[in-house]
Protein backbone atom coordinates (compact mmCIF):
# COMPACT_ATOMS: atom_id res chain seq x y z
CA MET A 1 -1.32 7.11 -33.40
CA ASN A 2 -0.13 3.90 -35.10
CA ASN A 3 3.43 5.01 -35.87
CA LEU A 4 4.46 6.30 -32.47
CA LYS A 5 8.05 5.85 -31.40
CA HIS A 6 8.78 3.72 -28.35
CA SER A 7 11.76 4.27 -26.07
CA ILE A 8 12.93 1.07 -24.37
CA ILE A 9 15.07 1.76 -21.30
CA VAL A 10 17.37 -0.97 -19.98
CA PRO A 11 19.40 -0.34 -16.80
CA ALA A 12 22.32 -2.77 -16.63
CA TYR A 13 24.64 -3.87 -13.85
CA ASN A 14 26.90 -6.93 -14.12
CA THR A 15 24.57 -8.91 -16.39
CA GLY A 16 27.07 -9.86 -19.08
CA ASP A 17 25.77 -13.42 -18.99
CA ALA A 18 22.19 -12.42 -19.83
CA ILE A 19 22.07 -9.01 -21.51
CA ARG A 20 22.55 -10.34 -25.05
CA GLN A 21 19.22 -12.15 -24.88
CA CYS A 22 17.60 -8.94 -23.65
CA ILE A 23 19.03 -6.78 -26.45
CA ASP A 24 18.38 -9.43 -29.12
CA SER A 25 14.72 -9.57 -28.09
CA VAL A 26 14.43 -5.85 -28.84
CA LEU A 27 16.22 -6.20 -32.17
CA LYS A 28 13.72 -8.91 -33.16
CA GLN A 29 10.69 -6.63 -32.69
CA THR A 30 8.28 -6.77 -35.63
CA TYR A 31 7.43 -3.11 -34.96
CA THR A 32 10.59 -1.21 -35.79
CA ASN A 33 9.99 2.41 -34.72
CA TRP A 34 11.87 2.21 -31.43
CA GLU A 35 15.03 3.33 -29.69
CA LEU A 36 16.89 1.26 -27.12
CA ILE A 37 18.55 3.20 -24.31
CA ILE A 38 20.95 1.08 -22.27
CA VAL A 39 22.38 2.63 -19.11
CA ASP A 40 25.39 0.78 -17.74
CA ASP A 41 25.35 1.44 -14.00
CA GLY A 42 29.07 1.01 -13.35
CA SER A 43 29.28 -2.69 -14.24
CA LYS A 44 32.47 -4.52 -13.29
CA ASP A 45 32.10 -7.45 -15.69
CA ASN A 46 31.92 -7.40 -19.51
CA THR A 47 28.47 -5.75 -19.63
CA SER A 48 29.91 -2.44 -20.82
CA GLU A 49 31.78 -4.04 -23.74
CA ILE A 50 28.69 -5.95 -24.85
CA ILE A 51 26.59 -2.78 -24.79
CA GLU A 52 29.12 -0.89 -26.92
CA GLU A 53 29.28 -3.76 -29.39
CA TYR A 54 25.52 -3.54 -29.99
CA ALA A 55 25.46 0.28 -30.04
CA LYS A 56 28.00 0.31 -32.88
CA SER A 57 25.93 -2.16 -34.90
CA ASP A 58 22.55 -0.33 -34.81
CA ASN A 59 22.03 3.44 -34.57
CA ARG A 60 18.75 2.91 -32.71
CA ILE A 61 20.75 1.70 -29.71
CA LYS A 62 22.15 4.36 -27.38
CA ALA A 63 24.69 3.43 -24.72
CA PHE A 64 25.35 5.42 -21.55
CA HIS A 65 27.94 4.61 -18.90
CA ILE A 66 27.56 6.10 -15.43
CA PRO A 67 29.04 5.51 -11.94
CA ASN A 68 27.16 2.94 -9.91
CA GLU A 69 24.29 4.64 -8.05
CA GLY A 70 21.55 2.04 -8.30
CA VAL A 71 18.78 1.06 -10.68
CA SER A 72 16.55 4.06 -9.87
CA ASN A 73 19.19 6.55 -10.95
CA ALA A 74 20.00 4.51 -14.07
CA ARG A 75 16.35 4.48 -15.14
CA ASN A 76 16.05 8.22 -14.53
CA VAL A 77 19.06 8.78 -16.80
CA GLY A 78 17.26 6.75 -19.44
CA LEU A 79 14.07 8.76 -18.99
CA ALA A 80 15.97 12.01 -19.46
CA GLU A 81 17.39 10.76 -22.76
CA ALA A 82 14.20 9.18 -24.14
CA GLN A 83 12.80 10.68 -27.35
CA GLY A 84 9.81 8.39 -27.86
CA GLU A 85 6.14 9.17 -27.33
CA TYR A 86 5.94 6.08 -25.10
CA VAL A 87 8.60 4.65 -22.80
CA MET A 88 8.99 1.23 -21.22
CA PHE A 89 11.51 -0.49 -18.97
CA VAL A 90 13.10 -3.90 -19.45
CA ASP A 91 15.55 -5.29 -16.92
CA SER A 92 18.83 -6.38 -18.50
CA ASP A 93 18.39 -10.04 -17.51
CA ASP A 94 14.82 -10.20 -18.86
CA TRP A 95 13.50 -10.29 -22.43
CA ILE A 96 10.36 -9.55 -24.47
CA GLU A 97 8.42 -11.40 -27.16
CA PRO A 98 9.02 -10.33 -30.81
CA ASP A 99 5.53 -8.84 -31.20
CA TYR A 100 5.55 -6.98 -27.87
CA LEU A 101 5.54 -3.48 -29.38
CA GLN A 102 3.15 -4.50 -32.14
CA GLN A 103 0.63 -5.72 -29.58
CA ILE A 104 0.76 -2.35 -27.81
CA ARG A 105 0.42 -0.58 -31.15
CA ASN A 106 -2.78 -2.55 -31.82
CA TYR A 107 -4.45 -0.82 -28.85
CA MET A 108 -3.14 2.71 -29.38
CA ASP A 109 -6.62 3.94 -30.27
CA ASP A 110 -7.36 3.69 -26.54
CA ASP A 111 -5.02 6.68 -26.12
CA ALA A 112 -4.08 5.41 -22.64
CA ASP A 113 -1.39 6.79 -20.35
CA MET A 114 -0.28 3.27 -19.46
CA TYR A 115 -0.50 -0.08 -21.27
CA ILE A 116 0.04 -3.32 -19.34
CA VAL A 117 0.77 -6.81 -20.69
CA GLY A 118 1.07 -10.18 -18.99
CA ILE A 119 4.27 -11.71 -17.63
CA THR A 120 5.99 -15.08 -17.68
CA GLN A 121 8.35 -15.94 -14.84
CA ASP A 122 11.24 -18.03 -16.16
CA HIS A 123 12.90 -19.98 -13.36
CA GLU A 124 16.63 -20.45 -13.91
CA GLY A 125 18.74 -23.32 -12.63
CA ASN A 126 22.34 -23.24 -11.45
CA ASN A 127 23.53 -24.03 -14.98
CA GLY A 128 21.84 -20.91 -16.37
CA ASN A 129 19.14 -22.82 -18.22
CA ILE A 130 15.42 -22.16 -17.79
CA PHE A 131 13.85 -25.26 -16.29
CA TYR A 132 10.36 -23.95 -15.57
CA SER A 133 8.18 -21.10 -16.84
CA GLU A 134 5.06 -19.83 -15.13
CA ILE A 135 2.50 -17.37 -16.47
CA LYS A 136 1.58 -14.85 -13.76
CA GLY A 137 -1.82 -13.45 -14.65
CA THR A 138 -3.34 -13.33 -18.12
CA PRO A 139 -4.84 -9.89 -18.78
CA VAL A 140 -8.38 -9.65 -20.04
CA TYR A 141 -8.80 -6.59 -22.25
CA ARG A 142 -9.97 -3.68 -20.18
CA HIS A 143 -9.69 0.08 -20.55
CA ILE A 144 -9.78 2.04 -17.30
CA SER A 145 -10.42 5.75 -17.64
CA SER A 146 -8.91 8.34 -15.31
CA ALA A 147 -12.35 9.02 -13.86
CA ASN A 148 -12.88 5.36 -12.93
CA LEU A 149 -9.37 4.58 -11.70
CA HIS A 150 -10.24 4.99 -8.00
CA SER A 151 -12.74 2.13 -8.20
CA GLU A 152 -10.42 -0.15 -10.20
CA ILE A 153 -7.27 -0.07 -8.05
CA GLY A 154 -8.33 -3.20 -6.19
CA TYR A 155 -8.91 -5.07 -9.44
CA LEU A 156 -5.53 -4.02 -10.82
CA LEU A 157 -3.63 -5.05 -7.69
CA ASN A 158 -5.49 -8.34 -7.45
CA THR A 159 -5.00 -9.40 -11.08
CA MET A 160 -1.93 -7.60 -12.46
CA ASN A 161 1.71 -7.24 -11.42
CA MET A 162 1.35 -3.58 -10.48
CA GLU A 163 4.40 -3.51 -8.20
CA SER A 164 6.71 -3.82 -11.23
CA SER A 165 7.55 -0.86 -13.46
CA CYS A 166 8.33 -3.29 -16.28
CA LEU A 167 5.71 -4.95 -18.56
CA LYS A 168 4.15 -1.51 -18.90
CA SER A 169 4.39 1.21 -21.53
CA TYR A 170 3.95 4.80 -20.33
CA ARG A 171 3.00 7.94 -22.21
CA ALA A 172 6.16 10.06 -22.00
CA SER A 173 4.30 13.39 -21.87
CA PHE A 174 2.26 12.11 -18.88
CA LEU A 175 5.46 11.27 -16.98
CA ARG A 176 6.98 14.65 -17.79
CA GLN A 177 3.81 16.59 -16.96
CA HIS A 178 3.63 15.07 -13.48
CA ASN A 179 7.39 14.76 -12.96
CA VAL A 180 7.11 11.01 -12.40
CA LYS A 181 10.56 9.58 -11.68
CA PHE A 182 12.21 6.85 -9.69
CA LEU A 183 13.27 7.87 -6.20
CA LYS A 184 17.05 7.72 -6.08
CA GLY A 185 18.44 5.73 -3.18
CA MET A 186 15.52 3.33 -2.72
CA ILE A 187 16.84 -0.22 -2.31
CA VAL A 188 13.40 -1.88 -2.28
CA PHE A 189 9.98 -1.02 -3.74
CA GLU A 190 11.43 1.47 -6.25
CA ASP A 191 9.25 -0.01 -9.02
CA PHE A 192 6.06 0.09 -6.98
CA TYR A 193 6.82 3.67 -5.93
CA PHE A 194 7.09 4.68 -9.60
CA VAL A 195 3.80 3.00 -10.55
CA LEU A 196 2.00 4.49 -7.55
CA GLN A 197 3.02 7.96 -8.72
CA CYS A 198 1.26 7.27 -12.02
CA LEU A 199 -1.84 6.11 -10.18
CA CYS A 200 -1.75 9.17 -7.90
CA HIS A 201 -2.00 11.36 -10.99
CA GLN A 202 -4.96 9.33 -12.28
CA SER A 203 -3.43 7.69 -15.32
CA SER A 204 -5.76 6.01 -17.78
CA ILE A 205 -4.82 2.35 -18.25
CA SER A 206 -5.39 -0.33 -20.88
CA LEU A 207 -4.82 -4.00 -20.11
CA ILE A 208 -3.69 -5.90 -23.21
CA PRO A 209 -4.56 -9.63 -23.49
CA PHE A 210 -1.01 -10.66 -24.34
CA ILE A 211 1.77 -12.44 -22.44
CA GLY A 212 4.82 -10.57 -23.67
CA TYR A 213 7.36 -10.02 -20.87
CA HIS A 214 9.75 -12.68 -19.55
CA TYR A 215 11.05 -12.16 -16.02
CA ARG A 216 14.09 -14.22 -15.13
CA MET A 217 13.99 -15.79 -11.67
CA GLY A 218 16.95 -17.27 -9.87
CA LEU A 219 19.84 -14.93 -10.60
CA ASP A 220 21.76 -14.13 -7.43
CA TYR A 221 20.69 -10.57 -6.70
CA ASN A 222 19.32 -9.26 -3.45
CA PRO A 223 19.36 -5.44 -3.13
CA VAL A 224 19.04 -5.61 0.65
CA VAL A 225 22.10 -7.84 0.92
CA ARG A 226 24.03 -5.73 -1.56
CA ARG A 227 23.26 -2.31 -0.09
CA GLY A 228 22.65 -3.35 3.52
CA VAL A 229 19.78 -2.32 5.78
CA ARG A 230 20.91 1.26 6.30
CA ASP A 231 18.65 2.50 3.47
CA LEU A 232 15.74 0.23 4.36
CA TYR A 233 13.86 2.72 6.52
CA PRO A 234 13.78 5.62 4.00
CA SER A 235 12.74 3.20 1.24
CA ILE A 236 9.82 1.77 3.21
CA ASN A 237 8.85 5.16 4.63
CA SER A 238 8.81 6.77 1.16
CA LEU A 239 6.56 4.04 -0.18
CA PHE A 240 4.09 4.34 2.69
CA LYS A 241 3.94 8.12 2.19
CA MET A 242 3.13 7.56 -1.49
CA LEU A 243 0.41 5.07 -0.52
CA ASP A 244 -0.99 7.69 1.83
CA LEU A 245 -1.01 10.27 -0.98
CA MET A 246 -2.71 7.88 -3.39
CA ASP A 247 -5.39 7.04 -0.85
CA MET A 248 -6.00 10.74 -0.20
CA ARG A 249 -6.12 11.76 -3.88
CA LEU A 250 -8.17 8.87 -5.23
CA GLY A 251 -10.36 8.09 -2.24
CA LEU A 252 -9.85 4.33 -2.42
CA SER A 253 -12.70 1.99 -1.66
CA ASP A 254 -12.35 -0.40 1.27
CA TYR A 255 -11.73 -3.25 -1.19
CA SER A 256 -9.00 -1.34 -3.03
CA HIS A 257 -7.33 -0.33 0.22
CA GLU A 258 -7.38 -3.94 1.40
CA GLN A 259 -5.74 -5.11 -1.84
CA VAL A 260 -3.00 -2.51 -1.40
CA MET A 261 -2.37 -3.83 2.10
CA ARG A 262 -2.29 -7.44 0.89
CA VAL A 263 0.38 -6.59 -1.67
CA MET A 264 2.36 -4.77 0.99
CA ALA A 265 2.00 -7.63 3.48
CA ALA A 266 3.59 -10.04 1.01
CA LYS A 267 6.38 -7.64 0.06
CA ILE A 268 7.24 -6.41 3.56
CA SER A 269 7.43 -9.97 4.87
CA VAL A 270 10.00 -10.93 2.23
CA VAL A 271 12.05 -7.74 2.60
CA PHE A 272 12.19 -8.05 6.37
CA GLY A 273 13.31 -11.65 5.99
CA GLN A 274 16.01 -10.75 3.46
CA SER A 275 17.29 -7.98 5.70
CA LEU A 276 17.84 -10.35 8.61
CA HIS A 277 20.93 -11.86 7.00
CA ALA A 278 22.01 -8.75 5.08
CA THR A 279 24.49 -7.49 7.66
CA LYS A 280 25.78 -7.96 11.19
CA TRP A 281 23.06 -8.00 13.82
CA THR A 282 24.69 -5.03 15.55
CA ASP A 283 24.02 -2.90 12.44
CA ARG A 284 20.30 -3.69 12.36
CA THR A 285 19.19 -1.86 15.47
CA LYS A 286 19.03 1.73 14.18
CA PRO A 287 17.15 1.21 10.88
CA PHE A 288 14.59 -1.10 12.45
CA LYS A 289 14.05 1.25 15.39
CA GLN A 290 13.29 3.94 12.80
CA ILE A 291 10.84 1.66 11.02
CA PHE A 292 9.08 0.60 14.20
CA ASN A 293 8.88 4.12 15.70
CA ASP A 294 7.86 6.23 12.68
CA ALA A 295 4.17 7.18 12.93
CA ILE A 296 3.18 6.60 9.28
CA THR A 297 5.21 3.42 8.91
CA LYS A 298 3.98 2.06 12.23
CA ALA A 299 0.34 2.68 11.27
CA TYR A 300 0.70 0.84 7.97
CA ILE A 301 2.57 -2.08 9.50
CA LYS A 302 -0.20 -2.38 12.09
CA GLU A 303 -2.68 -2.79 9.22
CA ILE A 304 -0.38 -5.27 7.52
CA LEU A 305 -0.19 -7.36 10.70
CA ASN A 306 -3.97 -7.71 10.65
CA ILE A 307 -3.76 -9.20 7.15
CA ALA A 308 -0.48 -11.12 7.25
CA GLY A 309 -0.14 -14.67 8.46
CA GLY A 310 1.00 -15.75 11.89
CA ARG A 311 4.59 -16.32 10.77
CA PHE A 312 5.08 -12.67 9.84
CA ARG A 313 3.38 -11.50 13.04
CA LEU A 314 5.81 -13.60 15.08
CA GLN A 315 8.73 -12.42 12.96
CA TYR A 316 7.72 -8.79 13.47
CA ILE A 317 7.34 -9.17 17.25
CA LEU A 318 10.79 -10.75 17.53
CA MET A 319 12.39 -8.06 15.37
CA SER A 320 10.72 -5.26 17.32
CA LYS A 321 12.36 -6.69 20.45
CA GLY A 322 15.78 -6.90 18.78
CA MET A 323 15.72 -10.72 18.55
CA PHE A 324 16.94 -10.77 14.94
CA ASN A 325 18.57 -14.19 14.86
CA LEU A 326 15.44 -15.87 16.18
CA ALA A 327 13.32 -13.84 13.76
CA TYR A 328 15.45 -15.12 10.87
CA ILE A 329 14.89 -18.71 11.97
CA VAL A 330 11.14 -18.03 11.89
CA TYR A 331 11.40 -16.50 8.40
CA ARG A 332 13.67 -19.20 7.01
CA TYR A 333 12.31 -22.39 8.50
CA LEU A 334 8.69 -21.97 9.66
């Protein structure tokens, strides 16, 4: 168990200014039995050239170049190419500590389907320098068996960054057995959707008391602005259907269900706000009508409204009446 190979998958799109730090952090790993799979998702800057430069210098680095179809597709390409017993995802503008893989190796006797470490959010200024770092949750060692997962979902959502597919290492055979993949075309919540699939299939989980993943904050990337709101409804609807499936399969406790809704309340509020300035107001009507009229989505949003603060309730009411500009003012300034 102690010499397992790890596949590190990095989807990349126009991150030529940051990807070197990401790749270098993998090269500095004290545990050396790894492969780095970098999938260039149709970058238009110098990302592709940087990737090729590294691939030629180390045979553990594999470079793939594909047409731009989004991060979900790029990660799936990486999954299909992975040869390791465990796989993990690192975003191309993030980086990991030198002993990241070694720390996971230290807990391999748990034989878990998923290992989770802690995360540091590095806030970046306009000059590209990190001016502030913030630790977001320090894991306390805990092994959660498949049989006990249903009663631990609330704890996981309340203490760990479960909506991210990064900072986790997954057993590759578990993902293949249950056909766990990213849903192509999702513009929001694609990470959370992936993790929820693992939970639906009752993955065993070990929390490792180690802060090893650095998430860069402040780079100018908003998937809703980039792709527009046209794909917002299917993304949100797909996530709510997965939540429904998880609830049905695991039989979540009231506490766990409430924690799921609290996570969703925070995420939906931000996504709705971002979407308000993503495109012309005349283009917003159809996708939001779909969101507000779909039975499953409407039921979940009703629950979210009972948990969310007054600002989001007001924002939602205004949006449901087509008053998008006023709703944006509420989101931006109240």
